[in-house]
Amino acid sequence: MSSRERILGRVRRALADVPRDDEPYEQAVPRDYLREHGERGVADTVGLLAENLADYRAIVHRCTPADLAATIAGMLAARGAKTVLVPPGLDPEWLAAADAERIADRAESTPHELDRVDSVVTACAVAVAETGTIVLDGSPDQGRRRITLVPDHHICVVRVPEQVVSSVPQALERLDPARPLTWISGPSATSDIELDRVEGVHGPRTLEVVLVG
């Protein structure tokens, strides 16, 4: 008898006197939790997103669509970025004013090659105000997951208000669970048992978010 069979046998014996319940799981488990906390208008929701992003140590910028190219160019210049990784579906107008060399998102790129890139610019799938979270789903304007995990500087553009929701339940309704979802709450950070914070271990050390609208 294998370990698996022994464990399942114990489970069956423990459940032998439990009445059978054929009620579907979706009905047996109540789903009456709050969809969002409080009532906010668009401006307050976007303001909460900006506040929580900053609380997670992301750098937040706001601009109009007409100023987006200049805003991104200024961010890359301030960073001293000479190269920028570009997903295949990114709007080319976003980088029209930037001087950095464009690096294409290629399947054959090695981690060492990606690590040498100064910055990456992507769009997003949705942004959650209550948690200060940005979600990427691997769409053409976001590229492969690894391009936002290896380079040290990530610029993410969020379209306001259409890509901003209040809560996680509202975000889940917009996302396809079959896609490779990456949930980002601030720059990569971790702490040891002494609570010493270290950034850049699991992803970009610097996250800059542009709220466009």
Protein backbone atom coordinates (compact mmCIF):
# COMPACT_ATOMS: atom_id res chain seq x y z
CA MET A 1 0.00 0.00 0.00
CA SER A 2 1.36 3.41 -0.98
CA SER A 3 1.44 6.48 1.25
CA ARG A 4 -1.29 8.00 -0.89
CA GLU A 5 -3.59 5.01 -0.35
CA ARG A 6 -2.96 5.05 3.41
CA ILE A 7 -3.81 8.75 3.66
CA LEU A 8 -6.97 8.43 1.55
CA GLY A 9 -7.99 5.44 3.65
CA ARG A 10 -7.74 7.49 6.82
CA VAL A 11 -9.79 10.26 5.23
CA ARG A 12 -12.52 7.81 4.20
CA ARG A 13 -12.67 6.29 7.69
CA ALA A 14 -12.88 9.74 9.28
CA LEU A 15 -15.79 10.67 6.98
CA ALA A 16 -17.64 7.36 7.28
CA ASP A 17 -20.33 8.73 9.63
CA VAL A 18 -20.72 12.11 7.89
CA PRO A 19 -24.03 12.44 5.97
CA ARG A 20 -23.63 12.82 2.22
CA ASP A 21 -24.25 16.36 0.97
CA ASP A 22 -24.84 16.77 -2.76
CA GLU A 23 -25.41 20.53 -2.62
CA PRO A 24 -23.20 22.25 -5.25
CA TYR A 25 -20.21 24.04 -3.82
CA GLU A 26 -21.29 27.34 -5.36
CA GLN A 27 -24.52 27.18 -3.34
CA ALA A 28 -23.06 25.69 -0.17
CA VAL A 29 -20.49 28.48 0.26
CA PRO A 30 -22.05 31.95 0.66
CA ARG A 31 -20.64 34.68 -1.57
CA ASP A 32 -22.15 37.64 0.24
CA TYR A 33 -18.91 39.48 0.97
CA LEU A 34 -18.54 43.17 0.15
CA ARG A 35 -17.61 43.95 -3.44
CA GLU A 36 -15.99 47.20 -2.34
CA HIS A 37 -15.49 49.10 0.90
CA GLY A 38 -17.45 52.33 0.87
CA GLU A 39 -18.84 54.30 -2.02
CA ARG A 40 -16.40 56.34 -4.09
CA GLY A 41 -16.62 58.29 -7.29
CA VAL A 42 -14.09 58.01 -10.10
CA ALA A 43 -11.83 60.77 -8.78
CA ASP A 44 -11.75 59.29 -5.27
CA THR A 45 -11.06 55.79 -6.61
CA VAL A 46 -8.14 56.99 -8.71
CA GLY A 47 -6.88 59.04 -5.77
CA LEU A 48 -6.99 55.97 -3.54
CA LEU A 49 -5.05 53.98 -6.15
CA ALA A 50 -2.36 56.66 -6.29
CA GLU A 51 -2.17 56.83 -2.50
CA ASN A 52 -1.80 53.07 -2.07
CA LEU A 53 0.73 52.77 -4.89
CA ALA A 54 2.84 55.43 -3.22
CA ASP A 55 2.43 53.70 0.14
CA TYR A 56 4.00 50.61 -1.46
CA ARG A 57 6.90 52.84 -2.58
CA ALA A 58 5.93 52.99 -6.22
CA ILE A 59 6.55 56.34 -7.92
CA VAL A 60 3.29 57.74 -9.27
CA HIS A 61 2.93 60.19 -12.16
CA ARG A 62 -0.21 61.71 -13.65
CA CYS A 63 -0.56 63.13 -17.14
CA THR A 64 -2.94 63.58 -20.05
CA PRO A 65 -2.78 61.33 -23.13
CA ALA A 66 -1.19 64.18 -25.07
CA ASP A 67 1.64 64.43 -22.52
CA LEU A 68 2.27 60.69 -22.14
CA ALA A 69 5.19 60.44 -24.58
CA ALA A 70 6.97 63.40 -22.98
CA THR A 71 6.30 62.02 -19.49
CA ILE A 72 7.81 58.62 -20.32
CA ALA A 73 10.76 60.25 -22.07
CA GLY A 74 11.41 62.37 -18.99
CA MET A 75 11.26 59.33 -16.71
CA LEU A 76 13.73 57.39 -18.86
CA ALA A 77 16.06 60.39 -19.07
CA ALA A 78 15.94 60.93 -15.30
CA ARG A 79 16.81 57.27 -14.84
CA GLY A 80 19.68 57.55 -17.32
CA ALA A 81 18.22 54.66 -19.31
CA LYS A 82 20.03 53.98 -22.56
CA THR A 83 17.95 50.91 -23.45
CA VAL A 84 14.25 50.19 -22.98
CA LEU A 85 12.50 46.86 -23.45
CA VAL A 86 9.33 47.14 -25.54
CA PRO A 87 6.47 44.58 -25.71
CA PRO A 88 5.34 43.87 -29.29
CA GLY A 89 1.90 45.44 -28.87
CA LEU A 90 2.94 48.63 -27.08
CA ASP A 91 1.69 51.81 -28.72
CA PRO A 92 4.79 53.22 -30.50
CA GLU A 93 3.59 56.76 -29.78
CA TRP A 94 4.29 56.19 -26.07
CA LEU A 95 8.04 56.14 -26.78
CA ALA A 96 8.06 58.64 -29.63
CA ALA A 97 9.90 61.28 -27.57
CA ALA A 98 12.38 58.90 -25.89
CA ASP A 99 16.04 58.71 -26.89
CA ALA A 100 16.70 55.25 -25.41
CA GLU A 101 17.39 52.35 -27.75
CA ARG A 102 14.34 50.08 -28.15
CA ILE A 103 14.92 46.40 -27.32
CA ALA A 104 12.31 43.96 -28.64
CA ASP A 105 10.71 41.34 -26.42
CA ARG A 106 12.17 38.13 -27.91
CA ALA A 107 11.49 34.57 -26.79
CA GLU A 108 15.17 33.68 -27.17
CA SER A 109 16.43 36.48 -24.89
CA THR A 110 18.43 35.10 -21.97
CA PRO A 111 18.05 36.28 -18.37
CA HIS A 112 21.50 37.88 -18.62
CA GLU A 113 20.43 39.86 -21.69
CA LEU A 114 17.25 41.02 -19.97
CA ASP A 115 19.23 41.99 -16.88
CA ARG A 116 21.37 44.34 -18.98
CA VAL A 117 18.29 46.28 -20.14
CA ASP A 118 17.91 49.56 -18.25
CA SER A 119 14.11 49.89 -18.27
CA VAL A 120 10.89 48.27 -19.50
CA VAL A 121 7.65 50.02 -20.43
CA THR A 122 4.30 48.20 -20.41
CA ALA A 123 0.60 48.74 -20.22
CA CYS A 124 -1.56 46.81 -17.74
CA ALA A 125 -4.80 44.81 -17.64
CA VAL A 126 -6.38 46.43 -14.58
CA ALA A 127 -5.43 48.37 -11.44
CA VAL A 128 -7.04 47.85 -8.01
CA ALA A 129 -7.45 50.98 -5.90
CA GLU A 130 -8.10 49.37 -2.49
CA THR A 131 -4.92 47.30 -2.59
CA GLY A 132 -2.68 49.49 -4.76
CA THR A 133 -2.22 46.55 -7.12
CA ILE A 134 -1.53 46.46 -10.85
CA VAL A 135 -2.33 43.30 -12.78
CA LEU A 136 -0.61 42.23 -16.00
CA ASP A 137 -2.09 39.44 -18.11
CA GLY A 138 0.54 38.93 -20.81
CA SER A 139 -1.37 40.82 -23.51
CA PRO A 140 0.68 42.16 -26.45
CA ASP A 141 1.08 45.60 -24.83
CA GLN A 142 2.45 43.93 -21.65
CA GLY A 143 4.64 41.19 -23.09
CA ARG A 144 5.99 38.08 -21.42
CA ARG A 145 5.98 37.93 -17.62
CA ARG A 146 9.77 37.75 -17.38
CA ILE A 147 10.32 41.15 -19.02
CA THR A 148 8.69 42.80 -16.00
CA LEU A 149 10.58 40.66 -13.47
CA VAL A 150 14.20 40.79 -14.63
CA PRO A 151 14.92 44.44 -15.60
CA ASP A 152 15.47 46.70 -12.57
CA HIS A 153 13.15 49.52 -13.67
CA HIS A 154 9.52 49.07 -14.73
CA ILE A 155 7.32 51.85 -16.10
CA CYS A 156 3.66 50.80 -16.18
CA VAL A 157 0.94 52.87 -17.86
CA VAL A 158 -2.60 52.74 -16.44
CA ARG A 159 -5.46 54.22 -18.45
CA VAL A 160 -7.76 56.26 -16.21
CA PRO A 161 -10.58 55.65 -15.49
CA GLU A 162 -11.31 52.63 -17.68
CA GLN A 163 -8.62 50.37 -16.22
CA VAL A 164 -9.14 51.33 -12.55
CA VAL A 165 -11.50 49.39 -10.25
CA SER A 166 -12.12 49.71 -6.52
CA SER A 167 -11.66 46.14 -5.34
CA VAL A 168 -10.18 42.73 -6.05
CA PRO A 169 -13.62 41.12 -6.75
CA GLN A 170 -14.23 43.76 -9.43
CA ALA A 171 -10.80 43.11 -10.91
CA LEU A 172 -11.35 39.35 -11.06
CA GLU A 173 -14.46 39.88 -13.17
CA ARG A 174 -12.30 41.53 -15.83
CA LEU A 175 -9.49 38.97 -15.85
CA ASP A 176 -9.18 35.66 -17.66
CA PRO A 177 -7.91 33.03 -15.17
CA ALA A 178 -6.39 31.07 -18.05
CA ARG A 179 -3.94 33.89 -18.80
CA PRO A 180 -0.56 34.33 -17.01
CA LEU A 181 -1.56 36.91 -14.40
CA THR A 182 1.09 38.93 -12.56
CA TRP A 183 -0.12 40.91 -9.54
CA ILE A 184 2.17 43.81 -8.63
CA SER A 185 1.90 45.83 -5.43
CA GLY A 186 4.87 48.18 -5.48
CA PRO A 187 8.48 47.36 -6.32
CA SER A 188 9.83 43.93 -5.43
CA ALA A 189 10.63 43.74 -1.72
CA THR A 190 11.23 41.21 1.01
CA SER A 191 12.30 41.25 4.65
CA ASP A 192 14.33 38.87 6.78
CA ILE A 193 13.56 37.88 10.36
CA GLU A 194 15.08 41.17 11.56
CA LEU A 195 12.63 43.04 9.29
CA ASP A 196 15.44 44.49 7.18
CA ARG A 197 13.78 45.42 3.88
CA VAL A 198 15.57 44.47 0.67
CA GLU A 199 14.23 45.64 -2.69
CA GLY A 200 14.82 44.12 -6.11
CA VAL A 201 15.09 40.46 -5.07
CA HIS A 202 12.08 39.07 -6.93
CA GLY A 203 11.55 41.77 -9.53
CA PRO A 204 12.19 45.44 -10.35
CA ARG A 205 13.78 47.58 -7.66
CA THR A 206 11.94 50.63 -9.03
CA LEU A 207 8.31 50.73 -10.16
CA GLU A 208 6.94 53.89 -11.78
CA VAL A 209 3.25 54.08 -12.58
CA VAL A 210 1.78 56.60 -15.00
CA LEU A 211 -1.92 57.34 -14.54
CA VAL A 212 -3.10 58.62 -17.91
CA GLY A 213 -6.40 60.42 -18.15
